[in-house]
Amino acid sequence: MERFLRVGVFANTHGVHGEIKLFPTTDDVGRFVKGLPLWLETKQGRKEFVVAGVKYFKNMVILRFEGVTNINEIEPYKGCDVLVDREHAVPLAEDEYFICDVLGAEVVTEEGEALGTLRDVMQTGANDVYVIALKNGGEALFPVIPDCVKDVDVERRRITVHVMPGLL
């Protein structure tokens, strides 16, 4: 399992005092609190920052980091993914999982036939859709609904699906 989880993207700077505009990729934008350690994924590796202040503006989160007081100190990191350590991740409810923990999982039918691997998860609003890279080189889209996705075993990295008519 990945140690770090992406919670946003450093979209732009905000003002001249080193604040950043973060486009959140997390379901819980309230997760950003003072004292939270975050990492920026740079070309040279991860760089740790600690949240010193949080504001919200439209669909963005404005973050101020400890020790950063000038736009020139933070601007080189624009465009970087913003990560949180798994230990600071939002607690999951039963039967919930992080998408990164199932990407690459084996996808099998209820009968045990191997279909392929989970390549991506599209978040449509109504329900997620699994993008499955089929063994034959094709691709299939499976809606993540109880009638279609029967089991997601994160530990075994195995997803069991019911193949509804028209999906393949």
Protein backbone atom coordinates (compact mmCIF):
# COMPACT_ATOMS: atom_id res chain seq x y z
CA MET A 1 0.00 0.00 0.00
CA GLU A 2 1.10 3.52 -0.75
CA ARG A 3 2.42 5.45 2.25
CA PHE A 4 1.40 8.82 0.79
CA LEU A 5 -2.02 9.77 -0.55
CA ARG A 6 -2.72 12.70 -2.87
CA VAL A 7 -5.10 15.23 -1.32
CA GLY A 8 -4.71 18.06 -3.79
CA VAL A 9 -2.71 19.91 -6.41
CA PHE A 10 -0.86 23.18 -5.85
CA ALA A 11 -2.80 25.18 -8.44
CA ASN A 12 -1.39 28.67 -7.90
CA THR A 13 0.03 31.10 -5.40
CA HIS A 14 -2.21 33.41 -3.39
CA GLY A 15 -0.93 36.85 -2.56
CA VAL A 16 2.71 37.75 -1.93
CA HIS A 17 3.17 36.18 1.51
CA GLY A 18 3.66 32.58 0.37
CA GLU A 19 0.13 31.20 0.55
CA ILE A 20 -0.98 28.62 -2.00
CA LYS A 21 -4.25 27.82 -3.74
CA LEU A 22 -4.86 24.10 -3.48
CA PHE A 23 -7.27 22.28 -5.77
CA PRO A 24 -8.50 19.51 -3.42
CA THR A 25 -8.70 15.92 -4.65
CA THR A 26 -10.01 14.65 -1.33
CA ASP A 27 -13.62 14.01 -0.38
CA ASP A 28 -13.14 15.92 2.90
CA VAL A 29 -11.83 19.46 2.36
CA GLY A 30 -12.24 20.04 6.11
CA ARG A 31 -9.26 17.73 6.61
CA PHE A 32 -6.81 20.62 6.19
CA VAL A 33 -6.08 21.90 9.69
CA LYS A 34 -3.32 23.85 11.39
CA GLY A 35 -0.41 21.58 12.29
CA LEU A 36 -1.12 19.01 9.54
CA PRO A 37 2.09 17.86 7.83
CA LEU A 38 1.82 17.81 4.03
CA TRP A 39 4.33 16.90 1.34
CA LEU A 40 4.82 18.47 -2.07
CA GLU A 41 5.85 15.95 -4.74
CA THR A 42 8.68 17.78 -6.52
CA LYS A 43 11.00 16.62 -9.28
CA GLN A 44 13.75 16.38 -6.65
CA GLY A 45 11.59 14.33 -4.25
CA ARG A 46 9.08 15.05 -1.52
CA LYS A 47 9.38 18.24 0.50
CA GLU A 48 7.56 18.46 3.83
CA PHE A 49 5.55 21.49 4.95
CA VAL A 50 3.34 22.04 8.00
CA VAL A 51 0.02 23.86 7.66
CA ALA A 52 0.01 27.16 9.57
CA GLY A 53 -3.33 28.50 8.30
CA VAL A 54 -6.35 27.48 6.26
CA LYS A 55 -8.98 29.51 4.37
CA TYR A 56 -11.53 28.53 1.74
CA PHE A 57 -12.36 30.38 -1.45
CA LYS A 58 -14.85 28.96 -3.97
CA ASN A 59 -13.66 25.43 -4.79
CA MET A 60 -10.11 26.07 -3.56
CA VAL A 61 -8.32 25.75 -0.23
CA ILE A 62 -5.88 28.53 0.63
CA LEU A 63 -2.99 27.18 2.71
CA ARG A 64 -0.22 28.97 4.56
CA PHE A 65 2.79 26.89 5.62
CA GLU A 66 5.01 27.34 8.67
CA GLY A 67 8.22 29.15 7.77
CA VAL A 68 7.00 30.32 4.36
CA THR A 69 6.51 34.08 4.30
CA ASN A 70 7.28 35.03 0.71
CA ILE A 71 5.83 34.06 -2.67
CA ASN A 72 9.36 33.38 -3.99
CA GLU A 73 9.84 30.57 -1.46
CA ILE A 74 6.80 28.59 -2.63
CA GLU A 75 6.29 29.54 -6.30
CA PRO A 76 8.80 26.98 -7.68
CA TYR A 77 6.51 24.19 -6.42
CA LYS A 78 3.45 25.34 -8.39
CA GLY A 79 1.78 22.37 -10.11
CA CYS A 80 3.05 19.82 -7.60
CA ASP A 81 0.82 17.15 -6.09
CA VAL A 82 0.10 17.69 -2.40
CA LEU A 83 0.31 14.52 -0.32
CA VAL A 84 -0.57 13.41 3.18
CA ASP A 85 1.00 10.52 5.05
CA ARG A 86 -1.39 7.58 5.44
CA GLU A 87 -1.27 8.01 9.23
CA HIS A 88 -2.92 11.43 8.77
CA ALA A 89 -5.48 10.15 6.27
CA VAL A 90 -9.20 10.53 6.87
CA PRO A 91 -10.46 7.41 8.70
CA LEU A 92 -12.35 5.05 6.42
CA ALA A 93 -15.73 3.55 7.19
CA GLU A 94 -16.29 -0.17 6.85
CA ASP A 95 -16.18 -1.31 3.20
CA GLU A 96 -14.41 1.91 2.13
CA TYR A 97 -10.94 2.01 0.61
CA PHE A 98 -8.57 4.40 -1.07
CA ILE A 99 -8.55 4.22 -4.87
CA CYS A 100 -4.75 3.93 -4.94
CA ASP A 101 -5.05 0.71 -2.91
CA VAL A 102 -7.06 -1.07 -5.63
CA LEU A 103 -5.41 0.23 -8.81
CA GLY A 104 -3.72 -2.69 -10.51
CA ALA A 105 -5.91 -5.22 -8.70
CA GLU A 106 -6.90 -8.42 -10.47
CA VAL A 107 -10.51 -8.38 -11.70
CA VAL A 108 -12.35 -11.72 -11.84
CA THR A 109 -15.90 -12.82 -12.59
CA GLU A 110 -18.13 -14.47 -9.99
CA GLU A 111 -17.20 -17.76 -11.65
CA GLY A 112 -13.49 -17.07 -11.00
CA GLU A 113 -12.54 -16.26 -14.61
CA ALA A 114 -9.76 -13.64 -14.82
CA LEU A 115 -10.93 -10.58 -16.81
CA GLY A 116 -7.94 -8.29 -16.41
CA THR A 117 -6.71 -5.57 -14.06
CA LEU A 118 -8.16 -2.35 -12.69
CA ARG A 119 -6.47 0.45 -14.63
CA ASP A 120 -8.39 3.50 -13.43
CA VAL A 121 -11.43 4.70 -11.50
CA MET A 122 -13.60 7.41 -13.05
CA GLN A 123 -15.58 9.44 -10.54
CA THR A 124 -18.78 10.46 -12.31
CA GLY A 125 -20.81 11.84 -9.44
CA ALA A 126 -23.61 9.27 -9.53
CA ASN A 127 -21.26 6.33 -8.98
CA ASP A 128 -17.66 5.46 -9.70
CA VAL A 129 -16.80 3.50 -12.84
CA TYR A 130 -13.99 0.95 -12.94
CA VAL A 131 -11.83 1.04 -16.08
CA ILE A 132 -10.64 -2.53 -16.56
CA ALA A 133 -7.76 -3.42 -18.87
CA LEU A 134 -8.91 -6.74 -20.29
CA LYS A 135 -6.57 -9.68 -20.82
CA ASN A 136 -7.29 -9.59 -24.56
CA GLY A 137 -5.98 -6.03 -24.81
CA GLY A 138 -9.37 -4.32 -24.78
CA GLU A 139 -11.00 -2.19 -22.13
CA ALA A 140 -14.28 -2.47 -20.23
CA LEU A 141 -16.16 -0.01 -18.06
CA PHE A 142 -17.95 -1.42 -14.99
CA PRO A 143 -20.19 0.80 -12.84
CA VAL A 144 -19.40 0.47 -9.15
CA ILE A 145 -22.88 -0.59 -8.06
CA PRO A 146 -23.93 -3.60 -5.94
CA ASP A 147 -25.41 -5.41 -8.98
CA CYS A 148 -22.06 -5.26 -10.78
CA VAL A 149 -19.19 -5.12 -8.26
CA LYS A 150 -19.67 -7.97 -5.84
CA ASP A 151 -16.50 -7.81 -3.74
CA VAL A 152 -13.41 -5.64 -3.36
CA ASP A 153 -10.67 -7.42 -1.41
CA VAL A 154 -8.02 -4.77 -0.79
CA GLU A 155 -5.69 -7.16 1.06
CA ARG A 156 -5.67 -9.75 -1.76
CA ARG A 157 -5.88 -7.00 -4.43
CA ARG A 158 -8.78 -8.79 -6.07
CA ILE A 159 -12.12 -7.44 -7.33
CA THR A 160 -15.02 -9.77 -8.09
CA VAL A 161 -17.58 -8.57 -10.62
CA HIS A 162 -20.85 -9.75 -12.10
CA VAL A 163 -20.73 -9.32 -15.88
CA MET A 164 -24.05 -7.72 -16.77
CA PRO A 165 -25.27 -8.04 -20.37
CA GLY A 166 -23.59 -5.50 -22.65
CA LEU A 167 -20.59 -4.73 -20.44
CA LEU A 168 -18.08 -6.75 -22.46
